[in-house]
């Protein structure tokens, strides 16, 4: 798959990205939102804190300092189900993870 950076990178309007399963009949595949989340975690975000799976993982975008919560929307599903990446403020990060560096 040939990915263009501008297709997957953050935009000023990005506040939430959700991944979904695509049912292709004989198989299930990750949708573009899921692939975008994976790309952003690998290429743009730095992990700040991790708690229990139900709390999620806190990431920071070093380019602008914004905080992002990575969570699995259906932790009861195999592999935790589809992911979600949500922009959160510092107060929410402190509530979920305690001290934020």
N, C-alpha and C. Protein backbone atom coordinates (compact mmCIF):
# COMPACT_ATOMS: atom_id res chain seq x y z
N UNK A 1 0.85 -1.18 0.00
CA UNK A 1 0.00 0.00 0.00
C UNK A 1 0.89 1.24 0.00
N UNK A 2 0.65 2.13 -0.91
CA UNK A 2 1.43 3.35 -1.03
C UNK A 2 0.70 4.47 -0.29
N UNK A 3 1.29 4.91 0.82
CA UNK A 3 0.65 5.91 1.67
C UNK A 3 1.32 7.26 1.46
N UNK A 4 0.52 8.27 1.19
CA UNK A 4 1.02 9.64 1.11
C UNK A 4 0.89 10.25 2.51
N UNK A 5 1.94 10.91 2.96
CA UNK A 5 1.96 11.49 4.31
C UNK A 5 0.77 12.41 4.54
N UNK A 6 0.46 13.24 3.55
CA UNK A 6 -0.64 14.19 3.74
C UNK A 6 -1.99 13.49 3.89
N UNK A 7 -2.10 12.25 3.44
CA UNK A 7 -3.35 11.50 3.60
C UNK A 7 -3.54 11.01 5.03
N UNK A 8 -2.46 10.75 5.75
CA UNK A 8 -2.55 10.15 7.08
C UNK A 8 -2.19 11.11 8.20
N UNK A 9 -1.47 12.18 7.91
CA UNK A 9 -0.99 13.09 8.95
C UNK A 9 -2.14 13.84 9.61
N UNK A 10 -1.86 14.43 10.77
CA UNK A 10 -2.85 15.25 11.47
C UNK A 10 -3.16 16.50 10.64
N UNK A 11 -4.39 16.96 10.72
CA UNK A 11 -4.78 18.25 10.18
C UNK A 11 -5.22 19.10 11.38
N UNK A 12 -5.32 20.41 11.22
CA UNK A 12 -5.79 21.23 12.34
C UNK A 12 -7.20 20.85 12.80
N UNK A 13 -7.99 20.26 11.92
CA UNK A 13 -9.37 19.90 12.26
C UNK A 13 -9.49 18.53 12.94
N UNK A 14 -8.42 17.75 12.96
CA UNK A 14 -8.49 16.40 13.52
C UNK A 14 -8.68 16.46 15.03
N UNK A 15 -9.75 15.83 15.52
CA UNK A 15 -9.97 15.73 16.97
C UNK A 15 -10.22 14.28 17.40
N UNK A 16 -10.67 13.45 16.47
CA UNK A 16 -10.92 12.04 16.79
C UNK A 16 -10.81 11.21 15.51
N UNK A 17 -10.21 10.04 15.66
CA UNK A 17 -10.11 9.10 14.55
C UNK A 17 -10.55 7.74 15.09
N UNK A 18 -11.47 7.10 14.41
CA UNK A 18 -11.95 5.78 14.82
C UNK A 18 -11.61 4.76 13.75
N UNK A 19 -11.23 3.59 14.20
CA UNK A 19 -11.00 2.48 13.30
C UNK A 19 -12.21 1.57 13.30
N UNK A 20 -12.41 0.88 12.20
CA UNK A 20 -13.53 -0.06 12.07
C UNK A 20 -13.05 -1.29 11.31
N UNK A 21 -13.74 -2.40 11.56
CA UNK A 21 -13.53 -3.60 10.75
C UNK A 21 -14.33 -3.45 9.47
N UNK A 22 -13.76 -3.88 8.36
CA UNK A 22 -14.49 -3.97 7.09
C UNK A 22 -14.78 -5.44 6.83
N UNK A 23 -16.04 -5.78 6.73
CA UNK A 23 -16.45 -7.16 6.48
C UNK A 23 -16.47 -7.39 4.97
N UNK A 24 -15.53 -8.17 4.49
CA UNK A 24 -15.42 -8.44 3.06
C UNK A 24 -16.07 -9.78 2.69
N UNK A 25 -16.87 -10.31 3.57
CA UNK A 25 -17.55 -11.58 3.31
C UNK A 25 -16.72 -12.76 3.78
N UNK A 26 -15.60 -12.99 3.12
CA UNK A 26 -14.75 -14.13 3.49
C UNK A 26 -13.64 -13.74 4.46
N UNK A 27 -13.50 -12.45 4.71
CA UNK A 27 -12.46 -11.98 5.63
C UNK A 27 -12.83 -10.61 6.19
N UNK A 28 -12.10 -10.23 7.23
CA UNK A 28 -12.26 -8.91 7.84
C UNK A 28 -10.95 -8.16 7.66
N UNK A 29 -11.06 -6.86 7.33
CA UNK A 29 -9.87 -6.03 7.17
C UNK A 29 -10.02 -4.74 7.95
N UNK A 30 -8.89 -4.15 8.30
CA UNK A 30 -8.87 -2.86 8.98
C UNK A 30 -9.21 -1.77 7.96
N UNK A 31 -10.01 -0.78 8.39
CA UNK A 31 -10.34 0.32 7.49
C UNK A 31 -9.23 1.37 7.49
N UNK A 32 -9.40 2.41 6.70
CA UNK A 32 -8.37 3.45 6.58
C UNK A 32 -8.16 4.22 7.89
N UNK A 33 -9.22 4.39 8.68
CA UNK A 33 -9.07 5.06 9.98
C UNK A 33 -8.14 4.28 10.90
N UNK A 34 -8.30 2.96 10.92
CA UNK A 34 -7.46 2.08 11.73
C UNK A 34 -6.01 2.17 11.25
N UNK A 35 -5.82 2.09 9.93
CA UNK A 35 -4.47 2.17 9.38
C UNK A 35 -3.84 3.53 9.65
N UNK A 36 -4.66 4.58 9.62
CA UNK A 36 -4.15 5.93 9.92
C UNK A 36 -3.68 6.01 11.37
N UNK A 37 -4.46 5.46 12.29
CA UNK A 37 -4.07 5.46 13.70
C UNK A 37 -2.74 4.72 13.88
N UNK A 38 -2.60 3.56 13.26
CA UNK A 38 -1.35 2.81 13.36
C UNK A 38 -0.18 3.64 12.82
N UNK A 39 -0.40 4.30 11.67
CA UNK A 39 0.66 5.11 11.07
C UNK A 39 1.06 6.26 11.99
N UNK A 40 0.07 6.96 12.55
CA UNK A 40 0.36 8.08 13.44
C UNK A 40 1.11 7.63 14.68
N UNK A 41 0.73 6.49 15.25
CA UNK A 41 1.44 5.98 16.43
C UNK A 41 2.89 5.65 16.10
N UNK A 42 3.13 5.12 14.91
CA UNK A 42 4.49 4.73 14.52
C UNK A 42 5.34 5.92 14.06
N UNK A 43 4.72 6.94 13.49
CA UNK A 43 5.48 8.00 12.82
C UNK A 43 5.38 9.39 13.41
N UNK A 44 4.36 9.67 14.21
CA UNK A 44 4.17 11.04 14.67
C UNK A 44 4.06 11.20 16.19
N UNK A 45 3.65 10.17 16.88
CA UNK A 45 3.35 10.31 18.31
C UNK A 45 4.41 9.66 19.18
N UNK A 46 4.58 10.24 20.39
CA UNK A 46 5.45 9.64 21.38
C UNK A 46 4.60 9.24 22.58
N UNK A 47 4.84 8.04 23.10
CA UNK A 47 4.06 7.56 24.24
C UNK A 47 4.46 8.30 25.50
N UNK A 48 3.45 8.74 26.25
CA UNK A 48 3.68 9.47 27.49
C UNK A 48 3.39 8.57 28.69
N UNK A 49 2.28 7.85 28.65
CA UNK A 49 1.87 7.03 29.78
C UNK A 49 0.93 5.93 29.31
N UNK A 50 0.96 4.82 30.06
CA UNK A 50 0.06 3.71 29.74
C UNK A 50 -0.49 3.17 31.05
N UNK A 51 -1.77 2.91 31.07
CA UNK A 51 -2.41 2.33 32.25
C UNK A 51 -3.04 1.01 31.86
N UNK A 52 -4.13 0.70 32.46
CA UNK A 52 -4.87 -0.52 32.13
C UNK A 52 -5.46 -0.40 30.73
N UNK A 53 -5.74 -1.54 30.09
CA UNK A 53 -6.31 -1.48 28.74
C UNK A 53 -7.59 -0.65 28.65
N UNK A 54 -8.41 -0.66 29.70
CA UNK A 54 -9.65 0.11 29.64
C UNK A 54 -9.41 1.62 29.76
N UNK A 55 -8.25 2.03 30.29
CA UNK A 55 -7.91 3.45 30.37
C UNK A 55 -7.28 3.92 29.07
N UNK A 56 -6.47 3.09 28.46
CA UNK A 56 -5.82 3.45 27.21
C UNK A 56 -4.38 3.87 27.39
N UNK A 57 -3.85 4.49 26.36
CA UNK A 57 -2.46 4.95 26.34
C UNK A 57 -2.45 6.42 25.95
N UNK A 58 -1.65 7.19 26.66
CA UNK A 58 -1.53 8.61 26.39
C UNK A 58 -0.33 8.87 25.50
N UNK A 59 -0.56 9.63 24.44
CA UNK A 59 0.49 10.01 23.50
C UNK A 59 0.55 11.52 23.40
N UNK A 60 1.72 12.01 22.99
CA UNK A 60 1.91 13.44 22.71
C UNK A 60 2.43 13.57 21.28
N UNK A 61 1.91 14.57 20.59
CA UNK A 61 2.45 14.91 19.28
C UNK A 61 3.58 15.91 19.53
N UNK A 62 4.83 15.52 19.32
CA UNK A 62 5.94 16.44 19.61
C UNK A 62 5.94 17.69 18.74
N UNK A 63 5.25 17.65 17.62
CA UNK A 63 5.22 18.81 16.72
C UNK A 63 4.44 19.97 17.32
N UNK A 64 3.38 19.68 18.10
CA UNK A 64 2.56 20.76 18.66
C UNK A 64 2.23 20.59 20.14
N UNK A 65 2.67 19.50 20.76
CA UNK A 65 2.44 19.28 22.18
C UNK A 65 1.05 18.77 22.53
N UNK A 66 0.19 18.56 21.54
CA UNK A 66 -1.17 18.09 21.83
C UNK A 66 -1.14 16.66 22.35
N UNK A 67 -2.09 16.37 23.27
CA UNK A 67 -2.19 15.06 23.89
C UNK A 67 -3.29 14.25 23.23
N UNK A 68 -2.99 12.98 22.99
CA UNK A 68 -3.91 12.07 22.31
C UNK A 68 -4.11 10.81 23.13
N UNK A 69 -5.36 10.43 23.30
CA UNK A 69 -5.70 9.20 24.02
C UNK A 69 -5.97 8.10 23.01
N UNK A 70 -5.19 7.03 23.11
CA UNK A 70 -5.40 5.84 22.28
C UNK A 70 -6.14 4.82 23.12
N UNK A 71 -7.25 4.34 22.61
CA UNK A 71 -8.00 3.32 23.34
C UNK A 71 -8.62 2.34 22.37
N UNK A 72 -9.04 1.20 22.90
CA UNK A 72 -9.72 0.18 22.12
C UNK A 72 -11.20 0.28 22.43
N UNK A 73 -12.02 0.44 21.40
CA UNK A 73 -13.44 0.73 21.61
C UNK A 73 -14.24 -0.49 22.02
N UNK A 74 -13.70 -1.69 21.83
CA UNK A 74 -14.41 -2.92 22.22
C UNK A 74 -13.40 -3.90 22.82
N UNK A 75 -12.91 -3.60 24.05
CA UNK A 75 -11.85 -4.44 24.62
C UNK A 75 -12.25 -5.90 24.79
N UNK A 76 -13.54 -6.20 24.76
CA UNK A 76 -14.00 -7.58 24.89
C UNK A 76 -13.80 -8.38 23.59
N UNK A 77 -13.58 -7.71 22.47
CA UNK A 77 -13.38 -8.38 21.19
C UNK A 77 -11.96 -8.91 21.07
N UNK A 78 -11.78 -9.82 20.13
CA UNK A 78 -10.45 -10.36 19.87
C UNK A 78 -9.48 -9.21 19.55
N UNK A 79 -8.32 -9.23 20.14
CA UNK A 79 -7.30 -8.19 19.95
C UNK A 79 -7.76 -6.81 20.42
N UNK A 80 -8.81 -6.76 21.22
CA UNK A 80 -9.28 -5.49 21.76
C UNK A 80 -10.19 -4.70 20.84
N UNK A 81 -10.46 -5.23 19.67
CA UNK A 81 -11.35 -4.54 18.75
C UNK A 81 -10.70 -3.33 18.12
N UNK A 82 -11.48 -2.55 17.39
CA UNK A 82 -10.94 -1.39 16.68
C UNK A 82 -10.42 -0.31 17.64
N UNK A 83 -9.42 0.45 17.20
CA UNK A 83 -8.86 1.52 18.02
C UNK A 83 -9.55 2.87 17.79
N UNK A 84 -9.30 3.76 18.74
CA UNK A 84 -9.74 5.14 18.61
C UNK A 84 -8.61 6.02 19.11
N UNK A 85 -8.40 7.14 18.45
CA UNK A 85 -7.41 8.13 18.85
C UNK A 85 -8.16 9.44 19.01
N UNK A 86 -8.12 9.99 20.23
CA UNK A 86 -8.93 11.17 20.56
C UNK A 86 -8.06 12.27 21.18
N UNK A 87 -8.20 13.47 20.68
CA UNK A 87 -7.52 14.63 21.24
C UNK A 87 -8.13 14.93 22.61
N UNK A 88 -7.28 15.05 23.65
CA UNK A 88 -7.78 15.38 24.98
C UNK A 88 -6.97 16.54 25.56
N UNK A 89 -7.57 17.23 26.51
CA UNK A 89 -6.85 18.33 27.15
C UNK A 89 -6.03 17.82 28.34
N UNK A 90 -5.18 18.68 28.87
CA UNK A 90 -4.29 18.30 29.96
C UNK A 90 -5.07 17.85 31.20
N UNK A 91 -6.19 18.49 31.48
CA UNK A 91 -6.99 18.13 32.66
C UNK A 91 -7.52 16.70 32.55
N UNK A 92 -8.00 16.32 31.37
CA UNK A 92 -8.48 14.96 31.15
C UNK A 92 -7.33 13.96 31.27
N UNK A 93 -6.18 14.32 30.73
CA UNK A 93 -5.00 13.46 30.83
C UNK A 93 -4.60 13.25 32.29
N UNK A 94 -4.63 14.31 33.08
CA UNK A 94 -4.30 14.20 34.51
C UNK A 94 -5.32 13.32 35.23
N UNK A 95 -6.58 13.46 34.88
CA UNK A 95 -7.64 12.64 35.49
C UNK A 95 -7.43 11.16 35.20
N UNK A 96 -7.06 10.84 33.97
CA UNK A 96 -6.91 9.44 33.57
C UNK A 96 -5.57 8.82 33.96
N UNK A 97 -4.49 9.61 33.90
CA UNK A 97 -3.15 9.05 34.05
C UNK A 97 -2.35 9.60 35.21
N UNK A 98 -2.88 10.57 35.93
CA UNK A 98 -2.11 11.17 37.00
C UNK A 98 -1.16 12.20 36.42
N UNK A 99 0.08 12.20 36.86
CA UNK A 99 1.05 13.18 36.40
C UNK A 99 1.36 13.01 34.92
N UNK A 100 1.39 14.13 34.21
CA UNK A 100 1.72 14.15 32.79
C UNK A 100 2.97 14.98 32.61
N UNK A 101 4.02 14.36 32.06
CA UNK A 101 5.30 15.08 31.88
C UNK A 101 5.21 16.09 30.78
